[in-house]
Amino acid sequence: MPVAAMVCSLHAHSGKTLLARVLAEHFILSGGAPHIFDTDALERRLAACFPDALVVDLAQVPDQMLLFDSLVWPSPAPRVVDVAHQTARPFLKLLRETDFVAEARANGIVPVLFYIADRDRRSREEAVALRDAFDDCAFVVVENEFLPRPGAALRAGDAWQTLAAHPLRVTMPRLVDDLVELIEDPRCSLSALIRAPLSRNDQGGDLSFDAASAFRAWLMPLFRDIHHALANLDATAEALAD
C-alpha cells in the first residue's frame, strides 16, 4: 500500500528535512516515484534537492487544499511531506480537522507520522501526546544521534520511557563531519551516490573510496531502519483498522 510519510518535530535543526530527503531517496531506490511536498515556503530546502517537489504555503487556504487533496488522491505513488517546524501545529490541526487519516485509509493509503524527538523534555512529551491524539495513524519515533544526548533526568522520565518502548523506530546515525557539507549540498543525489560502484581502483567518482565508504556506513543502517518500519506498517494499519 502507498505510504504518506509526514516528517515533523517540535524544534528547528532537528534533522527533519534530511530525514524527509532520505525517505524520498529510499522510495526512489525502491523503484518508486514519490510525490514530495515542502511546507517551508521561505527556505525551500527540500524542494532544492528535488526539482519536482511541490512547495506549499500552509498559511494559504488554496495551498492547504492542494496538499491534503494530493495526499489522499488514490494512486500507487508514495508521498513525503517535510513539515516545517513553524507550520507543524497548524498542519497537525488540519490533519485532524479534515479527517485526513480516515480518508487516506479509505483510498488505500497508509498515513504515517515520523516524529524526531530531541533532548528537550517538551519535545518528548509532545511526541507522546501526538501519538495518542493520532491513535488511528501509524507513528514512528525517530532518534537523531547527531543531536546532544538527553540528560539522565529526562531519560528517567515517563515520556522517554514511553517512547523507548514504542515498536516503530528509526535511528539517524551521527554523520561524520567530513560528510556534512556534502550531504547539505542540494545538488547531491543520495540515491546516485549509493548506486555508484565502490572500488579503490575507481578514482573517477565524486567521492574518494574512504568518503564513499563512510557515506554508505551512515546511510545503509538508516535505510534498513526505514525499511523495517515501513515493512511493519501493514500490521499496524490492520490493527488500527480493527
C-alpha atoms as a PDB file:
ATOM      1  CA  MET A   1       0.000   0.000   0.000  1.00  0.00           C
ATOM      2  CA  PRO A   2       1.298   3.506  -0.785  1.00  0.00           C
ATOM      3  CA  VAL A   3       2.567   5.473   2.182  1.00  0.00           C
ATOM      4  CA  ALA A   4       2.002   9.123   3.051  1.00  0.00           C
ATOM      5  CA  ALA A   5       5.073   9.848   5.191  1.00  0.00           C
ATOM      6  CA  MET A   6       4.841  13.103   7.154  1.00  0.00           C
ATOM      7  CA  VAL A   7       8.024  14.209   8.940  1.00  0.00           C
ATOM      8  CA  CYS A   8       7.709  16.629  11.838  1.00  0.00           C
ATOM      9  CA  SER A   9       9.427  17.829  15.014  1.00  0.00           C
ATOM     10  CA  LEU A  10       8.886  20.445  17.679  1.00  0.00           C
ATOM     11  CA  HIS A  11      12.098  22.381  17.034  1.00  0.00           C
ATOM     12  CA  ALA A  12      14.187  23.540  14.107  1.00  0.00           C
ATOM     13  CA  HIS A  13      17.582  21.992  13.281  1.00  0.00           C
ATOM     14  CA  SER A  14      16.469  18.528  14.335  1.00  0.00           C
ATOM     15  CA  GLY A  15      17.346  16.790  11.058  1.00  0.00           C
ATOM     16  CA  LYS A  16      13.762  16.797   9.815  1.00  0.00           C
ATOM     17  CA  THR A  17      14.429  17.921   6.245  1.00  0.00           C
ATOM     18  CA  LEU A  18      17.331  15.473   5.979  1.00  0.00           C
ATOM     19  CA  LEU A  19      15.080  12.609   7.070  1.00  0.00           C
ATOM     20  CA  ALA A  20      12.394  13.658   4.560  1.00  0.00           C
ATOM     21  CA  ARG A  21      15.085  13.680   1.891  1.00  0.00           C
ATOM     22  CA  VAL A  22      16.324  10.224   2.882  1.00  0.00           C
ATOM     23  CA  LEU A  23      12.757   8.889   2.838  1.00  0.00           C
ATOM     24  CA  ALA A  24      12.259  10.233  -0.675  1.00  0.00           C
ATOM     25  CA  GLU A  25      15.576   8.704  -1.797  1.00  0.00           C
ATOM     26  CA  HIS A  26      14.574   5.402  -0.186  1.00  0.00           C
ATOM     27  CA  PHE A  27      11.392   5.323  -2.269  1.00  0.00           C
ATOM     28  CA  ILE A  28      13.351   6.247  -5.402  1.00  0.00           C
ATOM     29  CA  LEU A  29      15.857   3.441  -4.832  1.00  0.00           C
ATOM     30  CA  SER A  30      12.919   1.074  -4.291  1.00  0.00           C
ATOM     31  CA  GLY A  31      11.673   1.895  -7.773  1.00  0.00           C
ATOM     32  CA  GLY A  32       9.008   4.404  -6.801  1.00  0.00           C
ATOM     33  CA  ALA A  33       8.389   7.955  -7.944  1.00  0.00           C
ATOM     34  CA  PRO A  34       7.394   9.741  -4.737  1.00  0.00           C
ATOM     35  CA  HIS A  35       5.316  12.888  -4.592  1.00  0.00           C
ATOM     36  CA  ILE A  36       7.344  15.300  -2.457  1.00  0.00           C
ATOM     37  CA  PHE A  37       5.961  18.290  -0.560  1.00  0.00           C
ATOM     38  CA  ASP A  38       7.912  21.089   1.121  1.00  0.00           C
ATOM     39  CA  THR A  39       5.892  23.186   3.579  1.00  0.00           C
ATOM     40  CA  ASP A  40       8.636  25.747   4.185  1.00  0.00           C
ATOM     41  CA  ALA A  41       7.628  28.368   1.644  1.00  0.00           C
ATOM     42  CA  LEU A  42      10.646  30.546   2.520  1.00  0.00           C
ATOM     43  CA  GLU A  43      13.748  28.358   2.735  1.00  0.00           C
ATOM     44  CA  ARG A  44      12.514  25.517   0.491  1.00  0.00           C
ATOM     45  CA  ARG A  45      15.404  23.265   1.456  1.00  0.00           C
ATOM     46  CA  LEU A  46      13.727  20.014   0.472  1.00  0.00           C
ATOM     47  CA  ALA A  47      12.472  21.440  -2.813  1.00  0.00           C
ATOM     48  CA  ALA A  48      16.054  22.480  -3.607  1.00  0.00           C
ATOM     49  CA  CYS A  49      17.001  18.776  -3.644  1.00  0.00           C
ATOM     50  CA  PHE A  50      14.097  17.612  -5.803  1.00  0.00           C
ATOM     51  CA  PRO A  51      13.072  19.789  -8.767  1.00  0.00           C
ATOM     52  CA  ASP A  52       9.666  18.075  -8.940  1.00  0.00           C
ATOM     53  CA  ALA A  53       8.839  18.801  -5.291  1.00  0.00           C
ATOM     54  CA  LEU A  54       5.776  20.925  -4.629  1.00  0.00           C
ATOM     55  CA  VAL A  55       6.176  23.901  -2.275  1.00  0.00           C
ATOM     56  CA  VAL A  56       3.022  24.664  -0.295  1.00  0.00           C
ATOM     57  CA  ASP A  57       2.337  27.628   1.965  1.00  0.00           C
ATOM     58  CA  LEU A  58       0.070  26.402   4.755  1.00  0.00           C
ATOM     59  CA  ALA A  59      -0.912  29.986   5.531  1.00  0.00           C
ATOM     60  CA  GLN A  60      -2.829  29.962   2.234  1.00  0.00           C
ATOM     61  CA  VAL A  61      -6.121  28.044   2.068  1.00  0.00           C
ATOM     62  CA  PRO A  62      -5.677  27.022  -1.611  1.00  0.00           C
ATOM     63  CA  ASP A  63      -2.277  25.512  -0.745  1.00  0.00           C
ATOM     64  CA  GLN A  64      -3.814  23.655   2.204  1.00  0.00           C
ATOM     65  CA  MET A  65      -6.453  22.151  -0.069  1.00  0.00           C
ATOM     66  CA  LEU A  66      -3.869  21.269  -2.708  1.00  0.00           C
ATOM     67  CA  LEU A  67      -1.657  19.483  -0.186  1.00  0.00           C
ATOM     68  CA  PHE A  68      -4.330  17.403   1.501  1.00  0.00           C
ATOM     69  CA  ASP A  69      -6.132  16.593  -1.746  1.00  0.00           C
ATOM     70  CA  SER A  70      -2.819  15.400  -3.196  1.00  0.00           C
ATOM     71  CA  LEU A  71      -2.025  13.288  -0.128  1.00  0.00           C
ATOM     72  CA  VAL A  72      -5.323  11.381  -0.246  1.00  0.00           C
ATOM     73  CA  TRP A  73      -5.553  11.066  -4.032  1.00  0.00           C
ATOM     74  CA  PRO A  74      -5.783   7.351  -4.957  1.00  0.00           C
ATOM     75  CA  SER A  75      -2.521   6.443  -6.650  1.00  0.00           C
ATOM     76  CA  PRO A  76       0.286   3.918  -6.085  1.00  0.00           C
ATOM     77  CA  ALA A  77       2.897   6.644  -5.580  1.00  0.00           C
ATOM     78  CA  PRO A  78       4.380   7.163  -2.096  1.00  0.00           C
ATOM     79  CA  ARG A  79       4.220  10.676  -0.676  1.00  0.00           C
ATOM     80  CA  VAL A  80       6.696  12.539   1.546  1.00  0.00           C
ATOM     81  CA  VAL A  81       5.902  15.751   3.429  1.00  0.00           C
ATOM     82  CA  ASP A  82       8.554  17.851   5.160  1.00  0.00           C
ATOM     83  CA  VAL A  83       6.513  19.660   7.815  1.00  0.00           C
ATOM     84  CA  ALA A  84       8.378  22.846   8.712  1.00  0.00           C
ATOM     85  CA  HIS A  85       8.618  23.291  12.481  1.00  0.00           C
ATOM     86  CA  GLN A  86       6.862  26.675  12.332  1.00  0.00           C
ATOM     87  CA  THR A  87       3.903  25.110  10.496  1.00  0.00           C
ATOM     88  CA  ALA A  88       3.751  21.859  12.475  1.00  0.00           C
ATOM     89  CA  ARG A  89       0.889  22.819  14.779  1.00  0.00           C
ATOM     90  CA  PRO A  90      -1.355  24.248  12.009  1.00  0.00           C
ATOM     91  CA  PHE A  91      -0.540  21.211   9.853  1.00  0.00           C
ATOM     92  CA  LEU A  92      -1.479  18.740  12.581  1.00  0.00           C
ATOM     93  CA  LYS A  93      -4.631  20.719  13.374  1.00  0.00           C
ATOM     94  CA  LEU A  94      -5.652  20.498   9.727  1.00  0.00           C
ATOM     95  CA  LEU A  95      -4.733  16.827   9.687  1.00  0.00           C
ATOM     96  CA  ARG A  96      -7.322  16.176  12.360  1.00  0.00           C
ATOM     97  CA  GLU A  97      -9.998  18.643  11.284  1.00  0.00           C
ATOM     98  CA  THR A  98     -10.055  17.413   7.683  1.00  0.00           C
ATOM     99  CA  ASP A  99     -10.379  13.779   8.811  1.00  0.00           C
ATOM    100  CA  PHE A 100      -7.365  13.109   6.606  1.00  0.00           C
ATOM    101  CA  VAL A 101      -6.403   9.789   8.202  1.00  0.00           C
ATOM    102  CA  ALA A 102      -9.776   8.137   7.588  1.00  0.00           C
ATOM    103  CA  GLU A 103      -9.980   9.462   4.027  1.00  0.00           C
ATOM    104  CA  ALA A 104      -6.451   8.308   3.234  1.00  0.00           C
ATOM    105  CA  ARG A 105      -7.184   4.804   4.506  1.00  0.00           C
ATOM    106  CA  ALA A 106     -10.418   4.700   2.513  1.00  0.00           C
ATOM    107  CA  ASN A 107      -8.323   5.371  -0.612  1.00  0.00           C
ATOM    108  CA  GLY A 108      -5.818   2.633   0.206  1.00  0.00           C
ATOM    109  CA  ILE A 109      -3.086   4.966   1.507  1.00  0.00           C
ATOM    110  CA  VAL A 110      -1.243   4.384   4.784  1.00  0.00           C
ATOM    111  CA  PRO A 111      -0.572   7.668   6.624  1.00  0.00           C
ATOM    112  CA  VAL A 112       2.421   7.642   8.947  1.00  0.00           C
ATOM    113  CA  LEU A 113       3.927  10.336  11.153  1.00  0.00           C
ATOM    114  CA  PHE A 114       7.711  10.341  11.582  1.00  0.00           C
ATOM    115  CA  TYR A 115       8.480  12.407  14.686  1.00  0.00           C
ATOM    116  CA  ILE A 116      12.054  13.430  15.564  1.00  0.00           C
ATOM    117  CA  ALA A 117      12.391  13.740  19.333  1.00  0.00           C
ATOM    118  CA  ASP A 118      15.275  15.817  20.695  1.00  0.00           C
ATOM    119  CA  ARG A 119      16.801  16.320  24.145  1.00  0.00           C
ATOM    120  CA  ASP A 120      14.114  18.786  25.226  1.00  0.00           C
ATOM    121  CA  ARG A 121      11.522  17.434  27.680  1.00  0.00           C
ATOM    122  CA  ARG A 122       8.705  19.223  25.850  1.00  0.00           C
ATOM    123  CA  SER A 123       9.702  17.531  22.629  1.00  0.00           C
ATOM    124  CA  ARG A 124       9.313  14.083  24.234  1.00  0.00           C
ATOM    125  CA  GLU A 125       6.011  14.978  25.857  1.00  0.00           C
ATOM    126  CA  GLU A 126       4.766  16.397  22.564  1.00  0.00           C
ATOM    127  CA  ALA A 127       5.663  13.121  20.843  1.00  0.00           C
ATOM    128  CA  VAL A 128       3.634  11.081  23.337  1.00  0.00           C
ATOM    129  CA  ALA A 129       0.682  13.472  23.096  1.00  0.00           C
ATOM    130  CA  LEU A 130       0.839  13.388  19.311  1.00  0.00           C
ATOM    131  CA  ARG A 131       0.982   9.609  19.224  1.00  0.00           C
ATOM    132  CA  ASP A 132      -2.055   9.386  21.489  1.00  0.00           C
ATOM    133  CA  ALA A 133      -4.003  12.087  19.641  1.00  0.00           C
ATOM    134  CA  PHE A 134      -3.488  10.302  16.323  1.00  0.00           C
ATOM    135  CA  ASP A 135      -4.059   6.790  17.579  1.00  0.00           C
ATOM    136  CA  ASP A 136      -5.582   5.907  14.202  1.00  0.00           C
ATOM    137  CA  CYS A 137      -2.348   6.807  12.398  1.00  0.00           C
ATOM    138  CA  ALA A 138       0.929   4.906  12.302  1.00  0.00           C
ATOM    139  CA  PHE A 139       3.584   6.705  14.354  1.00  0.00           C
ATOM    140  CA  VAL A 140       7.363   6.300  14.046  1.00  0.00           C
ATOM    141  CA  VAL A 141       9.719   7.600  16.740  1.00  0.00           C
ATOM    142  CA  VAL A 142      12.954   8.961  15.257  1.00  0.00           C
ATOM    143  CA  GLU A 143      16.148   9.382  17.263  1.00  0.00           C
ATOM    144  CA  ASN A 144      18.815  11.596  15.676  1.00  0.00           C
ATOM    145  CA  GLU A 145      22.212  10.680  17.110  1.00  0.00           C
ATOM    146  CA  PHE A 146      23.677  13.927  15.799  1.00  0.00           C
ATOM    147  CA  LEU A 147      21.687  15.805  18.460  1.00  0.00           C
ATOM    148  CA  PRO A 148      23.079  16.048  22.026  1.00  0.00           C
ATOM    149  CA  ARG A 149      22.208  13.094  24.222  1.00  0.00           C
ATOM    150  CA  PRO A 150      19.425  13.902  26.731  1.00  0.00           C
ATOM    151  CA  GLY A 151      20.395  14.050  30.389  1.00  0.00           C
ATOM    152  CA  ALA A 152      19.765  11.322  32.956  1.00  0.00           C
ATOM    153  CA  ALA A 153      16.725  13.095  34.444  1.00  0.00           C
ATOM    154  CA  LEU A 154      14.980  13.207  31.081  1.00  0.00           C
ATOM    155  CA  ARG A 155      15.869   9.580  30.303  1.00  0.00           C
ATOM    156  CA  ALA A 156      14.249   8.545  33.597  1.00  0.00           C
ATOM    157  CA  GLY A 157      11.021  10.399  32.800  1.00  0.00           C
ATOM    158  CA  ASP A 158       7.729   8.881  31.691  1.00  0.00           C
ATOM    159  CA  ALA A 159       7.813  10.372  28.195  1.00  0.00           C
ATOM    160  CA  TRP A 160      11.277   8.965  27.497  1.00  0.00           C
ATOM    161  CA  GLN A 161      10.285   5.518  28.755  1.00  0.00           C
ATOM    162  CA  THR A 162       7.075   5.543  26.732  1.00  0.00           C
ATOM    163  CA  LEU A 163       8.882   6.427  23.507  1.00  0.00           C
ATOM    164  CA  ALA A 164      11.658   3.936  24.224  1.00  0.00           C
ATOM    165  CA  ALA A 165       9.062   1.162  24.289  1.00  0.00           C
ATOM    166  CA  HIS A 166       7.380   2.282  21.060  1.00  0.00           C
ATOM    167  CA  PRO A 167       7.695  -0.512  18.451  1.00  0.00           C
ATOM    168  CA  LEU A 168       8.125   1.586  15.282  1.00  0.00           C
ATOM    169  CA  ARG A 169      11.509   3.312  15.479  1.00  0.00           C
ATOM    170  CA  VAL A 170      14.164   4.828  13.213  1.00  0.00           C
ATOM    171  CA  THR A 171      17.652   5.903  14.252  1.00  0.00           C
ATOM    172  CA  MET A 172      19.560   8.518  12.285  1.00  0.00           C
ATOM    173  CA  PRO A 173      23.265   7.720  12.827  1.00  0.00           C
ATOM    174  CA  ARG A 174      25.671  10.527  13.560  1.00  0.00           C
ATOM    175  CA  LEU A 175      27.168  11.893  10.352  1.00  0.00           C
ATOM    176  CA  VAL A 176      30.949  12.319  10.286  1.00  0.00           C
ATOM    177  CA  ASP A 177      31.968  15.949   9.977  1.00  0.00           C
ATOM    178  CA  ASP A 178      33.703  15.471   6.623  1.00  0.00           C
ATOM    179  CA  LEU A 179      30.414  14.444   5.022  1.00  0.00           C
ATOM    180  CA  VAL A 180      28.155  17.108   6.496  1.00  0.00           C
ATOM    181  CA  GLU A 181      28.983  19.631   3.769  1.00  0.00           C
ATOM    182  CA  LEU A 182      28.414  17.009   1.077  1.00  0.00           C
ATOM    183  CA  ILE A 183      25.022  15.947   2.441  1.00  0.00           C
ATOM    184  CA  GLU A 184      23.897  19.564   2.835  1.00  0.00           C
ATOM    185  CA  ASP A 185      24.558  20.254  -0.849  1.00  0.00           C
ATOM    186  CA  PRO A 186      21.119  20.076  -2.546  1.00  0.00           C
ATOM    187  CA  ARG A 187      22.814  19.067  -5.813  1.00  0.00           C
ATOM    188  CA  CYS A 188      23.990  15.829  -4.200  1.00  0.00           C
ATOM    189  CA  SER A 189      21.765  12.862  -5.026  1.00  0.00           C
ATOM    190  CA  LEU A 190      21.933  10.344  -2.198  1.00  0.00           C
ATOM    191  CA  SER A 191      20.455   7.621  -4.388  1.00  0.00           C
ATOM    192  CA  ALA A 192      23.067   8.289  -7.092  1.00  0.00           C
ATOM    193  CA  LEU A 193      25.872   8.035  -4.530  1.00  0.00           C
ATOM    194  CA  ILE A 194      24.568   4.736  -3.205  1.00  0.00           C
ATOM    195  CA  ARG A 195      24.239   3.353  -6.744  1.00  0.00           C
ATOM    196  CA  ALA A 196      27.828   4.282  -7.643  1.00  0.00           C
ATOM    197  CA  PRO A 197      30.273   1.346  -7.600  1.00  0.00           C
ATOM    198  CA  LEU A 198      32.532   1.182  -4.558  1.00  0.00           C
ATOM    199  CA  SER A 199      36.085   0.370  -5.589  1.00  0.00           C
ATOM    200  CA  ARG A 200      39.544   1.545  -4.570  1.00  0.00           C
ATOM    201  CA  ASN A 201      40.561   1.263  -8.222  1.00  0.00           C
ATOM    202  CA  ASP A 202      37.869   3.662  -9.413  1.00  0.00           C
ATOM    203  CA  GLN A 203      39.085   7.209  -8.857  1.00  0.00           C
ATOM    204  CA  GLY A 204      36.648   8.848 -11.258  1.00  0.00           C
ATOM    205  CA  GLY A 205      33.736   9.258  -8.859  1.00  0.00           C
ATOM    206  CA  ASP A 206      32.679  12.280  -6.875  1.00  0.00           C
ATOM    207  CA  LEU A 207      33.949  10.750  -3.624  1.00  0.00           C
ATOM    208  CA  SER A 208      37.120   9.048  -2.542  1.00  0.00           C
ATOM    209  CA  PHE A 209      36.837   5.383  -1.556  1.00  0.00           C
ATOM    210  CA  ASP A 210      37.059   6.263   2.155  1.00  0.00           C
ATOM    211  CA  ALA A 211      34.442   9.017   1.874  1.00  0.00           C
ATOM    212  CA  ALA A 212      32.105   6.763  -0.118  1.00  0.00           C
ATOM    213  CA  SER A 213      32.540   4.009   2.471  1.00  0.00           C
ATOM    214  CA  ALA A 214      31.778   6.431   5.314  1.00  0.00           C
ATOM    215  CA  PHE A 215      28.720   7.703   3.453  1.00  0.00           C
ATOM    216  CA  ARG A 216      27.381   4.165   2.991  1.00  0.00           C
ATOM    217  CA  ALA A 217      28.132   3.328   6.627  1.00  0.00           C
ATOM    218  CA  TRP A 218      25.903   6.254   7.591  1.00  0.00           C
ATOM    219  CA  LEU A 219      23.108   5.743   5.060  1.00  0.00           C
ATOM    220  CA  MET A 220      22.640   1.971   4.941  1.00  0.00           C
ATOM    221  CA  PRO A 221      21.633   1.486   8.630  1.00  0.00           C
ATOM    222  CA  LEU A 222      19.200   4.384   8.213  1.00  0.00           C
ATOM    223  CA  PHE A 223      17.727   2.765   5.101  1.00  0.00           C
ATOM    224  CA  ARG A 224      17.414  -0.533   6.965  1.00  0.00           C
ATOM    225  CA  ASP A 225      15.539   1.124   9.844  1.00  0.00           C
ATOM    226  CA  ILE A 226      13.197   2.864   7.402  1.00  0.00           C
ATOM    227  CA  HIS A 227      12.608  -0.385   5.533  1.00  0.00           C
ATOM    228  CA  HIS A 228      11.883  -2.210   8.792  1.00  0.00           C
ATOM    229  CA  ALA A 229       9.444   0.480   9.968  1.00  0.00           C
ATOM    230  CA  LEU A 230       7.621   0.552   6.640  1.00  0.00           C
ATOM    231  CA  ALA A 231       7.510  -3.246   6.481  1.00  0.00           C
ATOM    232  CA  ASN A 232       5.714  -3.272   9.822  1.00  0.00           C
ATOM    233  CA  LEU A 233       3.165  -0.639   8.830  1.00  0.00           C
ATOM    234  CA  ASP A 234       0.837  -3.224   7.289  1.00  0.00           C
ATOM    235  CA  ALA A 235       0.372  -4.999  10.600  1.00  0.00           C
ATOM    236  CA  THR A 236      -0.052  -1.657  12.372  1.00  0.00           C
ATOM    237  CA  ALA A 237      -2.582  -0.491   9.776  1.00  0.00           C
ATOM    238  CA  GLU A 238      -4.606  -3.685  10.156  1.00  0.00           C
ATOM    239  CA  ALA A 239      -4.666  -3.311  13.942  1.00  0.00           C
ATOM    240  CA  LEU A 240      -5.763   0.325  13.686  1.00  0.00           C
ATOM    241  CA  ALA A 241      -8.453  -0.582  11.162  1.00  0.00           C
ATOM    242  CA  ASP A 242      -9.788  -3.263  13.503  1.00  0.00           C
END
